[in-house]
Amino acid sequence: MVNIYEVPVNDFIERLAEELKKLEQIKAPDWSIFVKTGRHKERPPAREDWWHVRCAAVLRSVYKLGPIGVSKLRRKYGGKKNRGHKPEHSYPGSGSIARKALQQLEAAGLVKQHEKGVHKGRVITPKGVSLLEKTASKMLGGVPKKNASKLKASEKLAEKELQAKEDAKTKKEDSPAEKKAENAKK
């Protein structure tokens, strides 16, 4: 299958958000139209579908970093607060948003709670991995990983052959010895 690291991150999250909109368990809470995403923000998000985009980003983070908890996600989605003349300080993002997003992803069966040694948090399920890989595969046009590398290699080879033919033509046209030989024939 195609790996999620082979596609651009922003495009992947947008496409994954579209896939998450199709799931009935993942929907924006009623309060999501009023809330800021952290105390470092001045305004609520401008996008109407920001909840699904955030859930997609959280799902990708769980895949990459798992087991991951709410506090790590708060730090990830935090930022610097503009405090006027005073120096900026970094503040964590909203814990409620991270918690509710994880709960909805868990209800959809995409993540589950897990303990790995001393680390405790949520990890991605096989259903979640499948969703991520299918989304990445659709972005690359459905070409499996092994065939994609062969396809790229054959495209590069064809490109090199074409370049070599063009170089040979330009050398033929430009060489003065060949011009003299052509003039002598005439």
N, C-alpha and C. Protein backbone atom coordinates (compact mmCIF):
# COMPACT_ATOMS: atom_id res chain seq x y z
N MET A 1 0.83 -1.19 0.00
CA MET A 1 0.00 0.00 0.00
C MET A 1 0.87 1.25 0.00
N VAL A 2 0.24 2.35 -0.28
CA VAL A 2 0.93 3.63 -0.32
C VAL A 2 1.08 4.15 1.10
N ASN A 3 2.23 4.71 1.38
CA ASN A 3 2.52 5.26 2.70
C ASN A 3 2.05 6.71 2.76
N ILE A 4 1.60 7.16 3.92
CA ILE A 4 1.09 8.54 4.02
C ILE A 4 2.20 9.56 3.90
N TYR A 5 3.45 9.13 4.05
CA TYR A 5 4.57 10.06 3.95
C TYR A 5 4.92 10.39 2.51
N GLU A 6 4.31 9.72 1.56
CA GLU A 6 4.61 9.93 0.14
C GLU A 6 3.75 11.03 -0.48
N VAL A 7 2.82 11.58 0.27
CA VAL A 7 1.93 12.61 -0.26
C VAL A 7 2.13 13.91 0.52
N PRO A 8 1.84 15.06 -0.09
CA PRO A 8 1.97 16.34 0.62
C PRO A 8 1.00 16.40 1.81
N VAL A 9 1.49 16.90 2.93
CA VAL A 9 0.74 16.87 4.19
C VAL A 9 -0.56 17.67 4.11
N ASN A 10 -0.49 18.90 3.63
CA ASN A 10 -1.69 19.75 3.62
C ASN A 10 -2.77 19.18 2.72
N ASP A 11 -2.38 18.71 1.54
CA ASP A 11 -3.36 18.11 0.63
C ASP A 11 -3.95 16.83 1.24
N PHE A 12 -3.09 16.06 1.91
CA PHE A 12 -3.55 14.82 2.52
C PHE A 12 -4.58 15.10 3.62
N ILE A 13 -4.32 16.10 4.45
CA ILE A 13 -5.24 16.41 5.54
C ILE A 13 -6.57 16.92 4.98
N GLU A 14 -6.53 17.71 3.92
CA GLU A 14 -7.77 18.19 3.30
C GLU A 14 -8.59 17.01 2.76
N ARG A 15 -7.92 16.08 2.07
CA ARG A 15 -8.62 14.93 1.51
C ARG A 15 -9.15 14.03 2.62
N LEU A 16 -8.38 13.85 3.67
CA LEU A 16 -8.82 13.03 4.80
C LEU A 16 -10.02 13.67 5.50
N ALA A 17 -10.04 14.99 5.58
CA ALA A 17 -11.19 15.69 6.18
C ALA A 17 -12.45 15.42 5.38
N GLU A 18 -12.33 15.38 4.05
CA GLU A 18 -13.48 15.06 3.21
C GLU A 18 -13.97 13.63 3.48
N GLU A 19 -13.04 12.71 3.71
CA GLU A 19 -13.43 11.33 4.02
C GLU A 19 -14.10 11.25 5.40
N LEU A 20 -13.61 12.04 6.35
CA LEU A 20 -14.19 12.01 7.69
C LEU A 20 -15.58 12.63 7.73
N LYS A 21 -15.87 13.54 6.80
CA LYS A 21 -17.21 14.13 6.74
C LYS A 21 -18.26 13.08 6.41
N LYS A 22 -17.84 12.01 5.75
CA LYS A 22 -18.77 10.94 5.37
C LYS A 22 -19.16 10.07 6.56
N LEU A 23 -18.34 10.08 7.62
CA LEU A 23 -18.64 9.27 8.80
C LEU A 23 -19.63 9.99 9.69
N GLU A 24 -20.66 9.29 10.15
CA GLU A 24 -21.69 9.93 10.96
C GLU A 24 -21.24 10.18 12.40
N GLN A 25 -20.22 9.46 12.88
CA GLN A 25 -19.76 9.67 14.25
C GLN A 25 -18.96 10.96 14.41
N ILE A 26 -18.43 11.48 13.32
CA ILE A 26 -17.58 12.67 13.40
C ILE A 26 -18.38 13.86 12.90
N LYS A 27 -18.80 14.67 13.85
CA LYS A 27 -19.53 15.89 13.51
C LYS A 27 -19.15 16.97 14.50
N ALA A 28 -19.22 18.19 14.05
CA ALA A 28 -18.82 19.32 14.89
C ALA A 28 -19.83 19.52 16.02
N PRO A 29 -19.37 19.74 17.25
CA PRO A 29 -20.29 20.04 18.35
C PRO A 29 -21.00 21.37 18.11
N ASP A 30 -22.10 21.58 18.82
CA ASP A 30 -22.87 22.82 18.66
C ASP A 30 -22.04 24.05 19.01
N TRP A 31 -21.18 23.93 20.00
CA TRP A 31 -20.40 25.08 20.46
C TRP A 31 -19.22 25.40 19.55
N SER A 32 -18.96 24.60 18.54
CA SER A 32 -17.76 24.79 17.71
C SER A 32 -17.81 26.06 16.86
N ILE A 33 -18.98 26.65 16.67
CA ILE A 33 -19.04 27.88 15.86
C ILE A 33 -18.63 29.11 16.66
N PHE A 34 -18.60 28.99 18.00
CA PHE A 34 -18.27 30.14 18.84
C PHE A 34 -16.87 30.09 19.43
N VAL A 35 -16.29 28.91 19.53
CA VAL A 35 -15.10 28.70 20.34
C VAL A 35 -13.80 29.05 19.60
N LYS A 36 -12.82 29.55 20.36
CA LYS A 36 -11.47 29.73 19.84
C LYS A 36 -10.75 28.38 20.00
N THR A 37 -9.68 28.17 19.26
CA THR A 37 -8.96 26.90 19.36
C THR A 37 -7.88 26.91 20.42
N GLY A 38 -7.75 28.00 21.15
CA GLY A 38 -6.79 28.08 22.24
C GLY A 38 -6.77 29.49 22.79
N ARG A 39 -6.16 29.66 23.96
CA ARG A 39 -6.16 30.99 24.55
C ARG A 39 -5.18 31.92 23.88
N HIS A 40 -4.32 31.39 23.04
CA HIS A 40 -3.39 32.23 22.29
C HIS A 40 -4.04 32.84 21.05
N LYS A 41 -5.21 32.40 20.68
CA LYS A 41 -5.91 32.91 19.50
C LYS A 41 -6.78 34.10 19.87
N GLU A 42 -6.98 34.98 18.90
CA GLU A 42 -7.84 36.14 19.14
C GLU A 42 -9.26 35.91 18.62
N ARG A 43 -9.39 35.07 17.60
CA ARG A 43 -10.70 34.86 16.97
C ARG A 43 -10.95 33.38 16.76
N PRO A 44 -12.21 32.99 16.58
CA PRO A 44 -12.51 31.60 16.22
C PRO A 44 -12.07 31.30 14.79
N PRO A 45 -11.98 30.04 14.41
CA PRO A 45 -11.56 29.70 13.05
C PRO A 45 -12.52 30.27 12.00
N ALA A 46 -11.98 30.68 10.87
CA ALA A 46 -12.79 31.27 9.80
C ALA A 46 -13.48 30.20 8.96
N ARG A 47 -12.89 29.02 8.88
CA ARG A 47 -13.48 27.95 8.07
C ARG A 47 -14.68 27.34 8.77
N GLU A 48 -15.67 26.98 7.99
CA GLU A 48 -16.84 26.34 8.58
C GLU A 48 -16.58 24.87 8.89
N ASP A 49 -15.72 24.22 8.11
CA ASP A 49 -15.45 22.80 8.31
C ASP A 49 -14.16 22.56 9.09
N TRP A 50 -13.79 23.51 9.95
CA TRP A 50 -12.53 23.39 10.67
C TRP A 50 -12.50 22.18 11.58
N TRP A 51 -13.64 21.73 12.08
CA TRP A 51 -13.66 20.59 12.99
C TRP A 51 -13.17 19.33 12.29
N HIS A 52 -13.62 19.10 11.07
CA HIS A 52 -13.21 17.90 10.34
C HIS A 52 -11.73 17.97 9.96
N VAL A 53 -11.26 19.16 9.65
CA VAL A 53 -9.83 19.33 9.33
C VAL A 53 -8.99 19.04 10.57
N ARG A 54 -9.44 19.52 11.73
CA ARG A 54 -8.70 19.26 12.97
C ARG A 54 -8.72 17.77 13.30
N CYS A 55 -9.87 17.12 13.12
CA CYS A 55 -9.95 15.68 13.39
C CYS A 55 -9.02 14.90 12.45
N ALA A 56 -8.93 15.33 11.20
CA ALA A 56 -8.03 14.67 10.25
C ALA A 56 -6.58 14.86 10.68
N ALA A 57 -6.24 16.05 11.13
CA ALA A 57 -4.87 16.31 11.59
C ALA A 57 -4.56 15.52 12.85
N VAL A 58 -5.53 15.39 13.74
CA VAL A 58 -5.34 14.60 14.96
C VAL A 58 -5.15 13.13 14.61
N LEU A 59 -5.93 12.62 13.67
CA LEU A 59 -5.80 11.23 13.26
C LEU A 59 -4.41 10.96 12.67
N ARG A 60 -3.92 11.87 11.86
CA ARG A 60 -2.57 11.73 11.30
C ARG A 60 -1.52 11.79 12.41
N SER A 61 -1.72 12.66 13.41
CA SER A 61 -0.78 12.76 14.53
C SER A 61 -0.77 11.48 15.36
N VAL A 62 -1.94 10.88 15.56
CA VAL A 62 -2.01 9.62 16.30
C VAL A 62 -1.27 8.53 15.54
N TYR A 63 -1.39 8.53 14.22
CA TYR A 63 -0.68 7.54 13.40
C TYR A 63 0.83 7.72 13.52
N LYS A 64 1.29 8.96 13.46
CA LYS A 64 2.72 9.24 13.50
C LYS A 64 3.32 9.08 14.90
N LEU A 65 2.65 9.62 15.92
CA LEU A 65 3.25 9.75 17.24
C LEU A 65 2.74 8.76 18.27
N GLY A 66 1.65 8.04 17.97
CA GLY A 66 0.93 7.26 18.96
C GLY A 66 1.80 6.37 19.84
N PRO A 67 1.51 6.04 21.04
CA PRO A 67 0.38 6.50 21.83
C PRO A 67 0.52 7.98 22.21
N ILE A 68 -0.54 8.71 21.97
CA ILE A 68 -0.53 10.16 22.20
C ILE A 68 -1.77 10.53 22.99
N GLY A 69 -1.62 11.49 23.88
CA GLY A 69 -2.72 11.92 24.73
C GLY A 69 -3.11 13.35 24.47
N VAL A 70 -4.03 13.82 25.28
CA VAL A 70 -4.58 15.17 25.12
C VAL A 70 -3.50 16.23 25.37
N SER A 71 -2.65 16.01 26.36
CA SER A 71 -1.65 17.05 26.69
C SER A 71 -0.65 17.25 25.55
N LYS A 72 -0.24 16.18 24.88
CA LYS A 72 0.67 16.33 23.73
C LYS A 72 -0.03 17.06 22.59
N LEU A 73 -1.29 16.76 22.38
CA LEU A 73 -2.04 17.43 21.32
C LEU A 73 -2.25 18.91 21.67
N ARG A 74 -2.43 19.22 22.94
CA ARG A 74 -2.56 20.63 23.35
C ARG A 74 -1.28 21.38 23.02
N ARG A 75 -0.13 20.76 23.29
CA ARG A 75 1.14 21.41 22.97
C ARG A 75 1.32 21.55 21.46
N LYS A 76 0.91 20.52 20.73
CA LYS A 76 1.06 20.55 19.28
C LYS A 76 0.24 21.67 18.65
N TYR A 77 -0.98 21.87 19.12
CA TYR A 77 -1.87 22.87 18.53
C TYR A 77 -1.86 24.19 19.30
N GLY A 78 -0.88 24.38 20.15
CA GLY A 78 -0.73 25.64 20.87
C GLY A 78 0.02 26.65 20.02
N GLY A 79 0.35 27.79 20.64
CA GLY A 79 1.07 28.82 19.91
C GLY A 79 1.45 29.97 20.82
N LYS A 80 1.97 31.00 20.21
CA LYS A 80 2.40 32.18 20.97
C LYS A 80 1.27 33.18 21.05
N LYS A 81 1.11 33.76 22.24
CA LYS A 81 0.06 34.75 22.45
C LYS A 81 0.65 36.15 22.32
N ASN A 82 -0.04 36.99 21.58
CA ASN A 82 0.35 38.39 21.45
C ASN A 82 -0.13 39.11 22.70
N ARG A 83 0.82 39.58 23.50
CA ARG A 83 0.46 40.23 24.76
C ARG A 83 0.76 41.72 24.72
N GLY A 84 0.70 42.33 23.56
CA GLY A 84 0.97 43.76 23.44
C GLY A 84 2.46 44.04 23.52
N HIS A 85 2.85 44.96 24.41
CA HIS A 85 4.26 45.31 24.56
C HIS A 85 5.04 44.26 25.33
N LYS A 86 4.35 43.45 26.08
CA LYS A 86 5.02 42.42 26.87
C LYS A 86 5.53 41.32 25.94
N PRO A 87 6.55 40.58 26.35
CA PRO A 87 7.06 39.50 25.51
C PRO A 87 6.01 38.41 25.30
N GLU A 88 6.11 37.74 24.17
CA GLU A 88 5.18 36.65 23.87
C GLU A 88 5.50 35.44 24.73
N HIS A 89 4.46 34.69 25.07
CA HIS A 89 4.62 33.43 25.78
C HIS A 89 3.86 32.38 24.99
N SER A 90 4.32 31.14 25.06
CA SER A 90 3.60 30.08 24.37
C SER A 90 2.55 29.50 25.30
N TYR A 91 1.40 29.21 24.73
CA TYR A 91 0.29 28.65 25.48
C TYR A 91 -0.21 27.41 24.75
N PRO A 92 -0.70 26.42 25.50
CA PRO A 92 -1.23 25.23 24.84
C PRO A 92 -2.57 25.51 24.18
N GLY A 93 -2.94 24.65 23.24
CA GLY A 93 -4.23 24.77 22.58
C GLY A 93 -5.35 24.27 23.48
N SER A 94 -6.54 24.26 22.96
CA SER A 94 -7.72 23.86 23.73
C SER A 94 -7.70 22.36 24.01
N GLY A 95 -7.86 22.02 25.29
CA GLY A 95 -7.92 20.61 25.67
C GLY A 95 -9.25 19.99 25.33
N SER A 96 -10.30 20.78 25.38
CA SER A 96 -11.64 20.27 25.08
C SER A 96 -11.74 19.84 23.62
N ILE A 97 -11.17 20.63 22.73
CA ILE A 97 -11.21 20.29 21.31
C ILE A 97 -10.44 19.00 21.06
N ALA A 98 -9.25 18.89 21.63
CA ALA A 98 -8.44 17.68 21.45
C ALA A 98 -9.15 16.46 22.03
N ARG A 99 -9.72 16.61 23.21
CA ARG A 99 -10.39 15.50 23.88
C ARG A 99 -11.61 15.04 23.09
N LYS A 100 -12.45 15.99 22.66
CA LYS A 100 -13.67 15.63 21.92
C LYS A 100 -13.32 15.02 20.56
N ALA A 101 -12.27 15.53 19.92
CA ALA A 101 -11.86 14.96 18.63
C ALA A 101 -11.40 13.52 18.81
N LEU A 102 -10.61 13.26 19.85
CA LEU A 102 -10.17 11.88 20.11
C LEU A 102 -11.35 10.98 20.45
N GLN A 103 -12.31 11.49 21.21
CA GLN A 103 -13.48 10.69 21.57
C GLN A 103 -14.30 10.34 20.33
N GLN A 104 -14.45 11.29 19.42
CA GLN A 104 -15.21 11.01 18.20
C GLN A 104 -14.47 10.02 17.31
N LEU A 105 -13.16 10.17 17.20
CA LEU A 105 -12.38 9.23 16.40
C LEU A 105 -12.43 7.83 17.02
N GLU A 106 -12.47 7.77 18.35
CA GLU A 106 -12.58 6.48 19.03
C GLU A 106 -13.96 5.87 18.80
N ALA A 107 -15.00 6.68 18.81
CA ALA A 107 -16.35 6.18 18.56
C ALA A 107 -16.49 5.66 17.13
N ALA A 108 -15.74 6.25 16.20
CA ALA A 108 -15.77 5.80 14.81
C ALA A 108 -14.92 4.56 14.60
N GLY A 109 -14.14 4.16 15.61
CA GLY A 109 -13.32 2.96 15.51
C GLY A 109 -11.98 3.20 14.82
N LEU A 110 -11.56 4.45 14.72
CA LEU A 110 -10.30 4.76 14.04
C LEU A 110 -9.12 4.79 15.01
N VAL A 111 -9.36 5.08 16.28
CA VAL A 111 -8.32 5.05 17.31
C VAL A 111 -8.84 4.28 18.52
N LYS A 112 -7.90 3.85 19.37
CA LYS A 112 -8.29 3.16 20.61
C LYS A 112 -7.30 3.52 21.70
N GLN A 113 -7.73 3.35 22.96
CA GLN A 113 -6.85 3.62 24.09
C GLN A 113 -5.89 2.45 24.26
N HIS A 114 -4.64 2.78 24.62
CA HIS A 114 -3.62 1.75 24.68
C HIS A 114 -2.52 2.16 25.66
N GLU A 115 -1.92 1.19 26.32
CA GLU A 115 -0.76 1.44 27.17
C GLU A 115 0.42 0.68 26.59
N LYS A 116 1.53 1.37 26.42
CA LYS A 116 2.74 0.76 25.88
C LYS A 116 3.86 1.10 26.85
N GLY A 117 4.13 0.19 27.78
CA GLY A 117 5.11 0.48 28.82
C GLY A 117 4.58 1.56 29.74
N VAL A 118 5.36 2.63 29.90
CA VAL A 118 4.91 3.74 30.74
C VAL A 118 4.09 4.74 29.95
N HIS A 119 4.05 4.59 28.63
CA HIS A 119 3.32 5.53 27.77
C HIS A 119 1.87 5.08 27.66
N LYS A 120 0.98 6.03 27.87
CA LYS A 120 -0.44 5.75 27.84
C LYS A 120 -1.10 6.78 26.94
N GLY A 121 -2.00 6.34 26.09
CA GLY A 121 -2.68 7.27 25.21
C GLY A 121 -3.46 6.52 24.15
N ARG A 122 -3.69 7.18 23.05
CA ARG A 122 -4.46 6.57 21.98
C ARG A 122 -3.55 6.21 20.82
N VAL A 123 -3.83 5.06 20.22
CA VAL A 123 -3.11 4.59 19.04
C VAL A 123 -4.12 4.34 17.94
N ILE A 124 -3.64 4.25 16.74
CA ILE A 124 -4.52 4.06 15.59
C ILE A 124 -4.88 2.58 15.45
N THR A 125 -6.09 2.30 15.01
CA THR A 125 -6.55 0.93 14.80
C THR A 125 -6.28 0.53 13.34
N PRO A 126 -6.41 -0.76 13.03
CA PRO A 126 -6.25 -1.17 11.63
C PRO A 126 -7.25 -0.49 10.69
N LYS A 127 -8.45 -0.22 11.18
CA LYS A 127 -9.43 0.51 10.37
C LYS A 127 -8.94 1.92 10.07
N GLY A 128 -8.32 2.56 11.05
CA GLY A 128 -7.76 3.90 10.85
C GLY A 128 -6.60 3.90 9.88
N VAL A 129 -5.72 2.90 10.00
CA VAL A 129 -4.59 2.79 9.08
C VAL A 129 -5.10 2.58 7.66
N SER A 130 -6.12 1.74 7.52
CA SER A 130 -6.70 1.48 6.21
C SER A 130 -7.27 2.76 5.59
N LEU A 131 -7.96 3.56 6.40
CA LEU A 131 -8.52 4.82 5.90
C LEU A 131 -7.41 5.76 5.44
N LEU A 132 -6.34 5.87 6.23
CA LEU A 132 -5.23 6.75 5.86
C LEU A 132 -4.56 6.27 4.57
N GLU A 133 -4.32 4.97 4.46
CA GLU A 133 -3.63 4.45 3.28
C GLU A 133 -4.50 4.55 2.03
N LYS A 134 -5.80 4.32 2.18
CA LYS A 134 -6.70 4.45 1.02
C LYS A 134 -6.76 5.90 0.54
N THR A 135 -6.78 6.82 1.48
CA THR A 135 -6.80 8.24 1.11
C THR A 135 -5.52 8.63 0.39
N ALA A 136 -4.38 8.17 0.90
CA ALA A 136 -3.09 8.46 0.26
C ALA A 136 -3.02 7.80 -1.11
N SER A 137 -3.56 6.60 -1.22
CA SER A 137 -3.56 5.89 -2.50
C SER A 137 -4.41 6.62 -3.54
N LYS A 138 -5.56 7.14 -3.12
CA LYS A 138 -6.40 7.91 -4.04
C LYS A 138 -5.68 9.16 -4.53
N MET A 139 -4.89 9.76 -3.64
CA MET A 139 -4.17 10.98 -4.02
C MET A 139 -3.10 10.69 -5.07
N LEU A 140 -2.48 9.51 -4.98
CA LEU A 140 -1.44 9.15 -5.95
C LEU A 140 -2.00 8.46 -7.17
N GLY A 141 -3.30 8.38 -7.27
CA GLY A 141 -3.92 7.79 -8.44
C GLY A 141 -4.09 6.29 -8.35
N GLY A 142 -4.01 5.74 -7.16
CA GLY A 142 -4.25 4.32 -6.97
C GLY A 142 -3.11 3.43 -7.40
N VAL A 143 -1.93 3.97 -7.64
CA VAL A 143 -0.79 3.16 -8.05
C VAL A 143 -0.18 2.53 -6.80
N PRO A 144 -0.08 1.20 -6.74
CA PRO A 144 0.57 0.58 -5.59
C PRO A 144 2.02 1.01 -5.47
N LYS A 145 2.57 0.87 -4.28
CA LYS A 145 3.90 1.39 -3.97
C LYS A 145 4.98 0.78 -4.87
N LYS A 146 4.99 -0.55 -5.03
CA LYS A 146 6.03 -1.20 -5.83
C LYS A 146 5.94 -0.77 -7.28
N ASN A 147 4.74 -0.77 -7.82
CA ASN A 147 4.57 -0.37 -9.22
C ASN A 147 4.85 1.10 -9.42
N ALA A 148 4.60 1.91 -8.40
CA ALA A 148 4.85 3.34 -8.52
C ALA A 148 6.34 3.60 -8.70
N SER A 149 7.19 2.87 -7.98
CA SER A 149 8.63 3.08 -8.13
C SER A 149 9.09 2.59 -9.49
N LYS A 150 8.53 1.48 -9.99
CA LYS A 150 8.89 1.01 -11.32
C LYS A 150 8.44 2.00 -12.38
N LEU A 151 7.25 2.55 -12.18
CA LEU A 151 6.72 3.53 -13.13
C LEU A 151 7.60 4.77 -13.15
N LYS A 152 8.00 5.23 -11.99
CA LYS A 152 8.87 6.40 -11.94
C LYS A 152 10.20 6.11 -12.62
N ALA A 153 10.75 4.91 -12.41
CA ALA A 153 12.03 4.55 -13.02
C ALA A 153 11.90 4.48 -14.54
N SER A 154 10.80 3.91 -15.04
CA SER A 154 10.62 3.82 -16.49
C SER A 154 10.40 5.21 -17.10
N GLU A 155 9.70 6.09 -16.36
CA GLU A 155 9.53 7.46 -16.85
C GLU A 155 10.86 8.19 -16.92
N LYS A 156 11.71 7.99 -15.91
CA LYS A 156 13.03 8.63 -15.91
C LYS A 156 13.88 8.11 -17.06
N LEU A 157 13.81 6.80 -17.32
CA LEU A 157 14.58 6.21 -18.41
C LEU A 157 14.13 6.76 -19.75
N ALA A 158 12.83 6.85 -19.96
CA ALA A 158 12.31 7.40 -21.21
C ALA A 158 12.70 8.87 -21.36
N GLU A 159 12.70 9.60 -20.26
CA GLU A 159 13.10 11.00 -20.29
C GLU A 159 14.57 11.15 -20.66
N LYS A 160 15.43 10.27 -20.11
CA LYS A 160 16.86 10.30 -20.43
C LYS A 160 17.10 9.99 -21.90
N GLU A 161 16.38 8.99 -22.43
CA GLU A 161 16.54 8.63 -23.84
C GLU A 161 16.13 9.80 -24.74
N LEU A 162 15.04 10.46 -24.41
CA LEU A 162 14.58 11.60 -25.18
C LEU A 162 15.59 12.73 -25.13
N GLN A 163 16.15 12.97 -23.97
CA GLN A 163 17.16 14.02 -23.81
C GLN A 163 18.41 13.68 -24.62
N ALA A 164 18.81 12.40 -24.62
CA ALA A 164 19.99 11.98 -25.38
C ALA A 164 19.77 12.19 -26.88
N LYS A 165 18.58 11.89 -27.37
CA LYS A 165 18.28 12.09 -28.80
C LYS A 165 18.33 13.57 -29.15
N GLU A 166 17.78 14.42 -28.28
CA GLU A 166 17.81 15.86 -28.54
C GLU A 166 19.24 16.38 -28.52
N ASP A 167 20.05 15.89 -27.60
CA ASP A 167 21.45 16.31 -27.53
C ASP A 167 22.21 15.89 -28.78
N ALA A 168 21.93 14.67 -29.28
CA ALA A 168 22.60 14.19 -30.49
C ALA A 168 22.23 15.06 -31.69
N LYS A 169 20.98 15.47 -31.78
CA LYS A 169 20.55 16.33 -32.89
C LYS A 169 21.24 17.68 -32.84
N THR A 170 21.30 18.26 -31.65
CA THR A 170 21.93 19.58 -31.54
C THR A 170 23.43 19.50 -31.81
N LYS A 171 24.08 18.41 -31.42
CA LYS A 171 25.51 18.25 -31.71
C LYS A 171 25.73 18.12 -33.21
N LYS A 172 24.86 17.37 -33.88
CA LYS A 172 24.98 17.18 -35.32
C LYS A 172 24.84 18.51 -36.05
N GLU A 173 23.87 19.27 -35.64
CA GLU A 173 23.60 20.55 -36.30
C GLU A 173 24.69 21.57 -36.03
N ASP A 174 25.31 21.50 -34.88
CA ASP A 174 26.25 22.53 -34.46
C ASP A 174 27.70 22.23 -34.81
N SER A 175 28.09 20.99 -35.07
CA SER A 175 29.51 20.69 -35.25
C SER A 175 30.02 21.25 -36.58
N PRO A 176 31.13 22.02 -36.56
CA PRO A 176 31.66 22.64 -37.79
C PRO A 176 32.24 21.61 -38.76
N ALA A 177 32.77 20.51 -38.26
CA ALA A 177 33.35 19.50 -39.15
C ALA A 177 32.26 18.90 -40.03
N GLU A 178 31.11 18.68 -39.47
CA GLU A 178 30.02 18.10 -40.26
C GLU A 178 29.48 19.11 -41.26
N LYS A 179 29.50 20.40 -40.89
CA LYS A 179 29.05 21.42 -41.84
C LYS A 179 29.98 21.47 -43.05
N LYS A 180 31.30 21.34 -42.81
CA LYS A 180 32.26 21.32 -43.92
C LYS A 180 32.04 20.10 -44.79
N ALA A 181 31.77 18.96 -44.16
CA ALA A 181 31.55 17.73 -44.91
C ALA A 181 30.29 17.86 -45.77
N GLU A 182 29.27 18.48 -45.24
CA GLU A 182 28.03 18.67 -46.01
C GLU A 182 28.26 19.62 -47.17
N ASN A 183 29.03 20.69 -46.93
CA ASN A 183 29.33 21.64 -47.99
C ASN A 183 30.18 21.00 -49.08
N ALA A 184 31.10 20.10 -48.70
CA ALA A 184 31.95 19.42 -49.68
C ALA A 184 31.13 18.49 -50.55
N LYS A 185 30.10 17.88 -49.99
CA LYS A 185 29.24 16.99 -50.76
C LYS A 185 28.47 17.76 -51.82
N LYS A 186 28.14 18.99 -51.53
CA LYS A 186 27.34 19.79 -52.45
C LYS A 186 28.24 20.30 -53.50
